Amino acid sequence: TPFEGHNTAEFTMLPQGDGTHVTWLMHGPA
């Protein structure tokens, strides 16, 4: 609720120099 939806969320953490490149992705059918 309030609307039905089914998605996938992905978090990736890639080392980058002295830190990390973090990506938050959500995808699925509309």
PDB file of all heavy atoms in Angstrom:
ATOM      1  N   THR A   1       0.860  -1.183   0.000  1.00  0.00           N
ATOM      2  CA  THR A   1       0.000   0.000   0.000  1.00  0.00           C
ATOM      3  C   THR A   1       0.895   1.230   0.000  1.00  0.00           C
ATOM      4  O   THR A   1       2.037   1.149   0.468  1.00  0.00           O
ATOM      5  CB  THR A   1      -0.926   0.046   1.243  1.00  0.00           C
ATOM      6  OG1 THR A   1      -0.122   0.130   2.423  1.00  0.00           O
ATOM      7  CG2 THR A   1      -1.844  -1.150   1.318  1.00  0.00           C
ATOM      8  N   PRO A   2       0.520   2.354  -0.508  1.00  0.00           N
ATOM      9  CA  PRO A   2      -0.797   2.647  -1.062  1.00  0.00           C
ATOM     10  C   PRO A   2      -1.002   2.062  -2.460  1.00  0.00           C
ATOM     11  O   PRO A   2      -2.128   1.936  -2.929  1.00  0.00           O
ATOM     12  CB  PRO A   2      -0.844   4.170  -1.096  1.00  0.00           C
ATOM     13  CG  PRO A   2       0.579   4.584  -1.260  1.00  0.00           C
ATOM     14  CD  PRO A   2       1.380   3.542  -0.515  1.00  0.00           C
ATOM     15  N   PHE A   3       0.115   1.684  -3.136  1.00  0.00           N
ATOM     16  CA  PHE A   3       0.020   1.038  -4.441  1.00  0.00           C
ATOM     17  C   PHE A   3       0.920  -0.175  -4.448  1.00  0.00           C
ATOM     18  O   PHE A   3       2.017  -0.140  -3.900  1.00  0.00           O
ATOM     19  CB  PHE A   3       0.454   1.991  -5.572  1.00  0.00           C
ATOM     20  CG  PHE A   3      -0.355   3.243  -5.638  1.00  0.00           C
ATOM     21  CD1 PHE A   3       0.166   4.446  -5.207  1.00  0.00           C
ATOM     22  CD2 PHE A   3      -1.649   3.212  -6.125  1.00  0.00           C
ATOM     23  CE1 PHE A   3      -0.578   5.612  -5.259  1.00  0.00           C
ATOM     24  CE2 PHE A   3      -2.418   4.369  -6.177  1.00  0.00           C
ATOM     25  CZ  PHE A   3      -1.883   5.569  -5.753  1.00  0.00           C
ATOM     26  N   GLU A   4       0.474  -1.237  -5.076  1.00  0.00           N
ATOM     27  CA  GLU A   4       1.294  -2.436  -5.159  1.00  0.00           C
ATOM     28  C   GLU A   4       2.411  -2.231  -6.169  1.00  0.00           C
ATOM     29  O   GLU A   4       2.208  -1.651  -7.238  1.00  0.00           O
ATOM     30  CB  GLU A   4       0.438  -3.638  -5.565  1.00  0.00           C
ATOM     31  CG  GLU A   4       1.207  -4.929  -5.521  1.00  0.00           C
ATOM     32  CD  GLU A   4       0.337  -6.156  -5.740  1.00  0.00           C
ATOM     33  OE1 GLU A   4      -0.895  -6.021  -5.806  1.00  0.00           O
ATOM     34  OE2 GLU A   4       0.907  -7.251  -5.851  1.00  0.00           O
ATOM     35  N   GLY A   5       3.597  -2.696  -5.798  1.00  0.00           N
ATOM     36  CA  GLY A   5       4.746  -2.624  -6.690  1.00  0.00           C
ATOM     37  C   GLY A   5       5.790  -3.626  -6.255  1.00  0.00           C
ATOM     38  O   GLY A   5       5.906  -3.934  -5.062  1.00  0.00           O
ATOM     39  N   HIS A   6       6.505  -4.155  -7.214  1.00  0.00           N
ATOM     40  CA  HIS A   6       7.531  -5.163  -6.926  1.00  0.00           C
ATOM     41  C   HIS A   6       8.804  -4.745  -7.651  1.00  0.00           C
ATOM     42  O   HIS A   6       8.833  -4.689  -8.880  1.00  0.00           O
ATOM     43  CB  HIS A   6       7.055  -6.546  -7.360  1.00  0.00           C
ATOM     44  CG  HIS A   6       5.738  -6.910  -6.746  1.00  0.00           C
ATOM     45  ND1 HIS A   6       5.635  -7.315  -5.438  1.00  0.00           N
ATOM     46  CD2 HIS A   6       4.477  -6.850  -7.232  1.00  0.00           C
ATOM     47  CE1 HIS A   6       4.348  -7.520  -5.151  1.00  0.00           C
ATOM     48  NE2 HIS A   6       3.631  -7.247  -6.225  1.00  0.00           N
ATOM     49  N   ASN A   7       9.827  -4.439  -6.869  1.00  0.00           N
ATOM     50  CA  ASN A   7      11.074  -3.927  -7.421  1.00  0.00           C
ATOM     51  C   ASN A   7      12.265  -4.655  -6.825  1.00  0.00           C
ATOM     52  O   ASN A   7      12.131  -5.444  -5.893  1.00  0.00           O
ATOM     53  CB  ASN A   7      11.201  -2.430  -7.118  1.00  0.00           C
ATOM     54  CG  ASN A   7      10.102  -1.629  -7.778  1.00  0.00           C
ATOM     55  OD1 ASN A   7      10.061  -1.514  -8.989  1.00  0.00           O
ATOM     56  ND2 ASN A   7       9.196  -1.080  -6.987  1.00  0.00           N
ATOM     57  N   THR A   8      13.418  -4.319  -7.350  1.00  0.00           N
ATOM     58  CA  THR A   8      14.687  -4.798  -6.820  1.00  0.00           C
ATOM     59  C   THR A   8      15.511  -3.575  -6.457  1.00  0.00           C
ATOM     60  O   THR A   8      15.589  -2.620  -7.240  1.00  0.00           O
ATOM     61  CB  THR A   8      15.433  -5.645  -7.861  1.00  0.00           C
ATOM     62  OG1 THR A   8      14.618  -6.762  -8.224  1.00  0.00           O
ATOM     63  CG2 THR A   8      16.766  -6.143  -7.328  1.00  0.00           C
ATOM     64  N   ALA A   9      16.086  -3.588  -5.270  1.00  0.00           N
ATOM     65  CA  ALA A   9      17.000  -2.528  -4.853  1.00  0.00           C
ATOM     66  C   ALA A   9      18.398  -3.130  -4.790  1.00  0.00           C
ATOM     67  O   ALA A   9      18.565  -4.274  -4.342  1.00  0.00           O
ATOM     68  CB  ALA A   9      16.603  -1.966  -3.493  1.00  0.00           C
ATOM     69  N   GLU A  10      19.368  -2.383  -5.267  1.00  0.00           N
ATOM     70  CA  GLU A  10      20.749  -2.854  -5.254  1.00  0.00           C
ATOM     71  C   GLU A  10      21.646  -1.759  -4.695  1.00  0.00           C
ATOM     72  O   GLU A  10      21.509  -0.597  -5.060  1.00  0.00           O
ATOM     73  CB  GLU A  10      21.220  -3.206  -6.668  1.00  0.00           C
ATOM     74  CG  GLU A  10      20.448  -4.338  -7.297  1.00  0.00           C
ATOM     75  CD  GLU A  10      20.940  -4.677  -8.706  1.00  0.00           C
ATOM     76  OE1 GLU A  10      22.130  -4.423  -9.007  1.00  0.00           O
ATOM     77  OE2 GLU A  10      20.136  -5.197  -9.489  1.00  0.00           O
ATOM     78  N   PHE A  11      22.521  -2.161  -3.808  1.00  0.00           N
ATOM     79  CA  PHE A  11      23.550  -1.269  -3.286  1.00  0.00           C
ATOM     80  C   PHE A  11      24.894  -1.844  -3.707  1.00  0.00           C
ATOM     81  O   PHE A  11      25.149  -3.028  -3.465  1.00  0.00           O
ATOM     82  CB  PHE A  11      23.503  -1.199  -1.757  1.00  0.00           C
ATOM     83  CG  PHE A  11      22.278  -0.507  -1.219  1.00  0.00           C
ATOM     84  CD1 PHE A  11      21.106  -1.205  -1.004  1.00  0.00           C
ATOM     85  CD2 PHE A  11      22.313   0.855  -0.923  1.00  0.00           C
ATOM     86  CE1 PHE A  11      19.982  -0.579  -0.501  1.00  0.00           C
ATOM     87  CE2 PHE A  11      21.195   1.493  -0.417  1.00  0.00           C
ATOM     88  CZ  PHE A  11      20.014   0.785  -0.212  1.00  0.00           C
ATOM     89  N   THR A  12      25.721  -1.015  -4.335  1.00  0.00           N
ATOM     90  CA  THR A  12      27.071  -1.455  -4.673  1.00  0.00           C
ATOM     91  C   THR A  12      28.058  -0.510  -4.009  1.00  0.00           C
ATOM     92  O   THR A  12      27.829   0.701  -3.945  1.00  0.00           O
ATOM     93  CB  THR A  12      27.316  -1.491  -6.195  1.00  0.00           C
ATOM     94  OG1 THR A  12      26.998  -0.221  -6.752  1.00  0.00           O
ATOM     95  CG2 THR A  12      26.472  -2.564  -6.859  1.00  0.00           C
ATOM     96  N   MET A  13      29.137  -1.080  -3.502  1.00  0.00           N
ATOM     97  CA  MET A  13      30.186  -0.333  -2.835  1.00  0.00           C
ATOM     98  C   MET A  13      31.510  -0.684  -3.497  1.00  0.00           C
ATOM     99  O   MET A  13      32.021  -1.783  -3.301  1.00  0.00           O
ATOM    100  CB  MET A  13      30.212  -0.675  -1.340  1.00  0.00           C
ATOM    101  CG  MET A  13      29.013  -0.090  -0.600  1.00  0.00           C
ATOM    102  SD  MET A  13      28.240  -1.201   0.581  1.00  0.00           S
ATOM    103  CE  MET A  13      27.321  -2.306  -0.469  1.00  0.00           C
ATOM    104  N   LEU A  14      32.011   0.244  -4.308  1.00  0.00           N
ATOM    105  CA  LEU A  14      33.245  -0.005  -5.042  1.00  0.00           C
ATOM    106  C   LEU A  14      34.366   0.863  -4.482  1.00  0.00           C
ATOM    107  O   LEU A  14      34.233   2.085  -4.434  1.00  0.00           O
ATOM    108  CB  LEU A  14      33.044   0.301  -6.531  1.00  0.00           C
ATOM    109  CG  LEU A  14      31.947  -0.514  -7.218  1.00  0.00           C
ATOM    110  CD1 LEU A  14      31.732  -0.022  -8.638  1.00  0.00           C
ATOM    111  CD2 LEU A  14      32.292  -1.988  -7.202  1.00  0.00           C
ATOM    112  N   PRO A  15      35.478   0.230  -4.059  1.00  0.00           N
ATOM    113  CA  PRO A  15      36.611   1.009  -3.562  1.00  0.00           C
ATOM    114  C   PRO A  15      37.063   2.014  -4.624  1.00  0.00           C
ATOM    115  O   PRO A  15      37.089   1.703  -5.822  1.00  0.00           O
ATOM    116  CB  PRO A  15      37.691  -0.038  -3.312  1.00  0.00           C
ATOM    117  CG  PRO A  15      36.950  -1.326  -3.192  1.00  0.00           C
ATOM    118  CD  PRO A  15      35.746  -1.199  -4.066  1.00  0.00           C
ATOM    119  N   GLN A  16      37.371   3.222  -4.158  1.00  0.00           N
ATOM    120  CA  GLN A  16      37.788   4.283  -5.075  1.00  0.00           C
ATOM    121  C   GLN A  16      38.769   5.175  -4.327  1.00  0.00           C
ATOM    122  O   GLN A  16      38.358   5.972  -3.474  1.00  0.00           O
ATOM    123  CB  GLN A  16      36.557   5.060  -5.533  1.00  0.00           C
ATOM    124  CG  GLN A  16      36.820   6.144  -6.538  1.00  0.00           C
ATOM    125  CD  GLN A  16      35.538   6.855  -6.929  1.00  0.00           C
ATOM    126  OE1 GLN A  16      34.743   7.222  -6.071  1.00  0.00           O
ATOM    127  NE2 GLN A  16      35.351   7.056  -8.219  1.00  0.00           N
ATOM    128  N   GLY A  17      40.047   5.018  -4.624  1.00  0.00           N
ATOM    129  CA  GLY A  17      41.068   5.796  -3.915  1.00  0.00           C
ATOM    130  C   GLY A  17      41.021   5.506  -2.430  1.00  0.00           C
ATOM    131  O   GLY A  17      41.071   4.355  -2.008  1.00  0.00           O
ATOM    132  N   ASP A  18      40.854   6.575  -1.617  1.00  0.00           N
ATOM    133  CA  ASP A  18      40.799   6.395  -0.164  1.00  0.00           C
ATOM    134  C   ASP A  18      39.369   6.258   0.345  1.00  0.00           C
ATOM    135  O   ASP A  18      39.106   6.411   1.531  1.00  0.00           O
ATOM    136  CB  ASP A  18      41.504   7.555   0.545  1.00  0.00           C
ATOM    137  CG  ASP A  18      40.810   8.891   0.316  1.00  0.00           C
ATOM    138  OD1 ASP A  18      39.980   8.986  -0.610  1.00  0.00           O
ATOM    139  OD2 ASP A  18      41.104   9.845   1.068  1.00  0.00           O
ATOM    140  N   GLY A  19      38.448   5.966  -0.558  1.00  0.00           N
ATOM    141  CA  GLY A  19      37.053   5.865  -0.156  1.00  0.00           C
ATOM    142  C   GLY A  19      36.297   4.811  -0.944  1.00  0.00           C
ATOM    143  O   GLY A  19      36.881   3.864  -1.463  1.00  0.00           O
ATOM    144  N   THR A  20      34.992   5.029  -1.034  1.00  0.00           N
ATOM    145  CA  THR A  20      34.100   4.066  -1.674  1.00  0.00           C
ATOM    146  C   THR A  20      33.056   4.811  -2.488  1.00  0.00           C
ATOM    147  O   THR A  20      32.482   5.790  -2.017  1.00  0.00           O
ATOM    148  CB  THR A  20      33.394   3.209  -0.596  1.00  0.00           C
ATOM    149  OG1 THR A  20      34.383   2.597   0.232  1.00  0.00           O
ATOM    150  CG2 THR A  20      32.518   2.135  -1.228  1.00  0.00           C
ATOM    151  N   HIS A  21      32.827   4.331  -3.678  1.00  0.00           N
ATOM    152  CA  HIS A  21      31.739   4.851  -4.517  1.00  0.00           C
ATOM    153  C   HIS A  21      30.515   3.977  -4.233  1.00  0.00           C
ATOM    154  O   HIS A  21      30.524   2.784  -4.516  1.00  0.00           O
ATOM    155  CB  HIS A  21      32.127   4.786  -5.996  1.00  0.00           C
ATOM    156  CG  HIS A  21      31.099   5.380  -6.899  1.00  0.00           C
ATOM    157  ND1 HIS A  21      30.969   6.728  -7.082  1.00  0.00           N
ATOM    158  CD2 HIS A  21      30.139   4.801  -7.655  1.00  0.00           C
ATOM    159  CE1 HIS A  21      29.982   6.964  -7.919  1.00  0.00           C
ATOM    160  NE2 HIS A  21      29.459   5.808  -8.274  1.00  0.00           N
ATOM    161  N   VAL A  22      29.473   4.575  -3.627  1.00  0.00           N
ATOM    162  CA  VAL A  22      28.272   3.834  -3.234  1.00  0.00           C
ATOM    163  C   VAL A  22      27.135   4.204  -4.186  1.00  0.00           C
ATOM    164  O   VAL A  22      26.864   5.391  -4.402  1.00  0.00           O
ATOM    165  CB  VAL A  22      27.856   4.158  -1.784  1.00  0.00           C
ATOM    166  CG1 VAL A  22      26.614   3.372  -1.381  1.00  0.00           C
ATOM    167  CG2 VAL A  22      29.006   3.888  -0.828  1.00  0.00           C
ATOM    168  N   THR A  23      26.469   3.193  -4.726  1.00  0.00           N
ATOM    169  CA  THR A  23      25.330   3.406  -5.619  1.00  0.00           C
ATOM    170  C   THR A  23      24.107   2.712  -5.040  1.00  0.00           C
ATOM    171  O   THR A  23      24.182   1.559  -4.610  1.00  0.00           O
ATOM    172  CB  THR A  23      25.613   2.851  -7.028  1.00  0.00           C
ATOM    173  OG1 THR A  23      26.751   3.543  -7.559  1.00  0.00           O
ATOM    174  CG2 THR A  23      24.429   3.039  -7.956  1.00  0.00           C
ATOM    175  N   TRP A  24      22.993   3.423  -5.049  1.00  0.00           N
ATOM    176  CA  TRP A  24      21.688   2.898  -4.630  1.00  0.00           C
ATOM    177  C   TRP A  24      20.814   2.905  -5.878  1.00  0.00           C
ATOM    178  O   TRP A  24      20.546   3.949  -6.460  1.00  0.00           O
ATOM    179  CB  TRP A  24      21.102   3.786  -3.548  1.00  0.00           C
ATOM    180  CG  TRP A  24      19.833   3.309  -2.894  1.00  0.00           C
ATOM    181  CD1 TRP A  24      19.052   2.239  -3.224  1.00  0.00           C
ATOM    182  CD2 TRP A  24      19.192   3.912  -1.759  1.00  0.00           C
ATOM    183  NE1 TRP A  24      17.984   2.132  -2.381  1.00  0.00           N
ATOM    184  CE2 TRP A  24      18.045   3.163  -1.459  1.00  0.00           C
ATOM    185  CE3 TRP A  24      19.480   5.021  -0.976  1.00  0.00           C
ATOM    186  CZ2 TRP A  24      17.183   3.477  -0.417  1.00  0.00           C
ATOM    187  CZ3 TRP A  24      18.626   5.340   0.067  1.00  0.00           C
ATOM    188  CH2 TRP A  24      17.487   4.565   0.343  1.00  0.00           C
ATOM    189  N   LEU A  25      20.391   1.733  -6.281  1.00  0.00           N
ATOM    190  CA  LEU A  25      19.592   1.563  -7.495  1.00  0.00           C
ATOM    191  C   LEU A  25      18.306   0.828  -7.151  1.00  0.00           C
ATOM    192  O   LEU A  25      18.332  -0.140  -6.390  1.00  0.00           O
ATOM    193  CB  LEU A  25      20.382   0.745  -8.530  1.00  0.00           C
ATOM    194  CG  LEU A  25      19.620   0.150  -9.712  1.00  0.00           C
ATOM    195  CD1 LEU A  25      19.093   1.244 -10.637  1.00  0.00           C
ATOM    196  CD2 LEU A  25      20.512  -0.812 -10.482  1.00  0.00           C
ATOM    197  N   MET A  26      17.193   1.287  -7.700  1.00  0.00           N
ATOM    198  CA  MET A  26      15.929   0.560  -7.605  1.00  0.00           C
ATOM    199  C   MET A  26      15.391   0.416  -9.020  1.00  0.00           C
ATOM    200  O   MET A  26      15.376   1.379  -9.783  1.00  0.00           O
ATOM    201  CB  MET A  26      14.909   1.302  -6.738  1.00  0.00           C
ATOM    202  CG  MET A  26      13.599   0.514  -6.586  1.00  0.00           C
ATOM    203  SD  MET A  26      12.367   1.358  -5.558  1.00  0.00           S
ATOM    204  CE  MET A  26      11.758   2.569  -6.714  1.00  0.00           C
ATOM    205  N   HIS A  27      14.987  -0.801  -9.367  1.00  0.00           N
ATOM    206  CA  HIS A  27      14.435  -1.023 -10.696  1.00  0.00           C
ATOM    207  C   HIS A  27      13.353  -2.089 -10.636  1.00  0.00           C
ATOM    208  O   HIS A  27      13.336  -2.933  -9.726  1.00  0.00           O
ATOM    209  CB  HIS A  27      15.533  -1.401 -11.699  1.00  0.00           C
ATOM    210  CG  HIS A  27      16.304  -2.632 -11.315  1.00  0.00           C
ATOM    211  ND1 HIS A  27      15.918  -3.899 -11.687  1.00  0.00           N
ATOM    212  CD2 HIS A  27      17.421  -2.792 -10.570  1.00  0.00           C
ATOM    213  CE1 HIS A  27      16.779  -4.784 -11.213  1.00  0.00           C
ATOM    214  NE2 HIS A  27      17.700  -4.133 -10.515  1.00  0.00           N
ATOM    215  N   GLY A  28      12.445  -2.018 -11.582  1.00  0.00           N
ATOM    216  CA  GLY A  28      11.382  -3.005 -11.653  1.00  0.00           C
ATOM    217  C   GLY A  28      10.333  -2.588 -12.661  1.00  0.00           C
ATOM    218  O   GLY A  28      10.405  -1.498 -13.249  1.00  0.00           O
ATOM    219  N   PRO A  29       9.363  -3.450 -12.855  1.00  0.00           N
ATOM    220  CA  PRO A  29       8.318  -3.134 -13.829  1.00  0.00           C
ATOM    221  C   PRO A  29       7.446  -1.974 -13.354  1.00  0.00           C
ATOM    222  O   PRO A  29       7.155  -1.846 -12.177  1.00  0.00           O
ATOM    223  CB  PRO A  29       7.505  -4.431 -13.912  1.00  0.00           C
ATOM    224  CG  PRO A  29       7.789  -5.149 -12.638  1.00  0.00           C
ATOM    225  CD  PRO A  29       9.158  -4.737 -12.198  1.00  0.00           C
ATOM    226  N   ALA A  30       7.065  -1.135 -14.300  1.00  0.00           N
ATOM    227  CA  ALA A  30       6.153  -0.021 -14.005  1.00  0.00           C
ATOM    228  C   ALA A  30       4.764  -0.460 -14.461  1.00  0.00           C
ATOM    229  O   ALA A  30       4.468  -0.475 -15.659  1.00  0.00           O
ATOM    230  CB  ALA A  30       6.591   1.245 -14.740  1.00  0.00           C
TER     231      ALA A  30
END
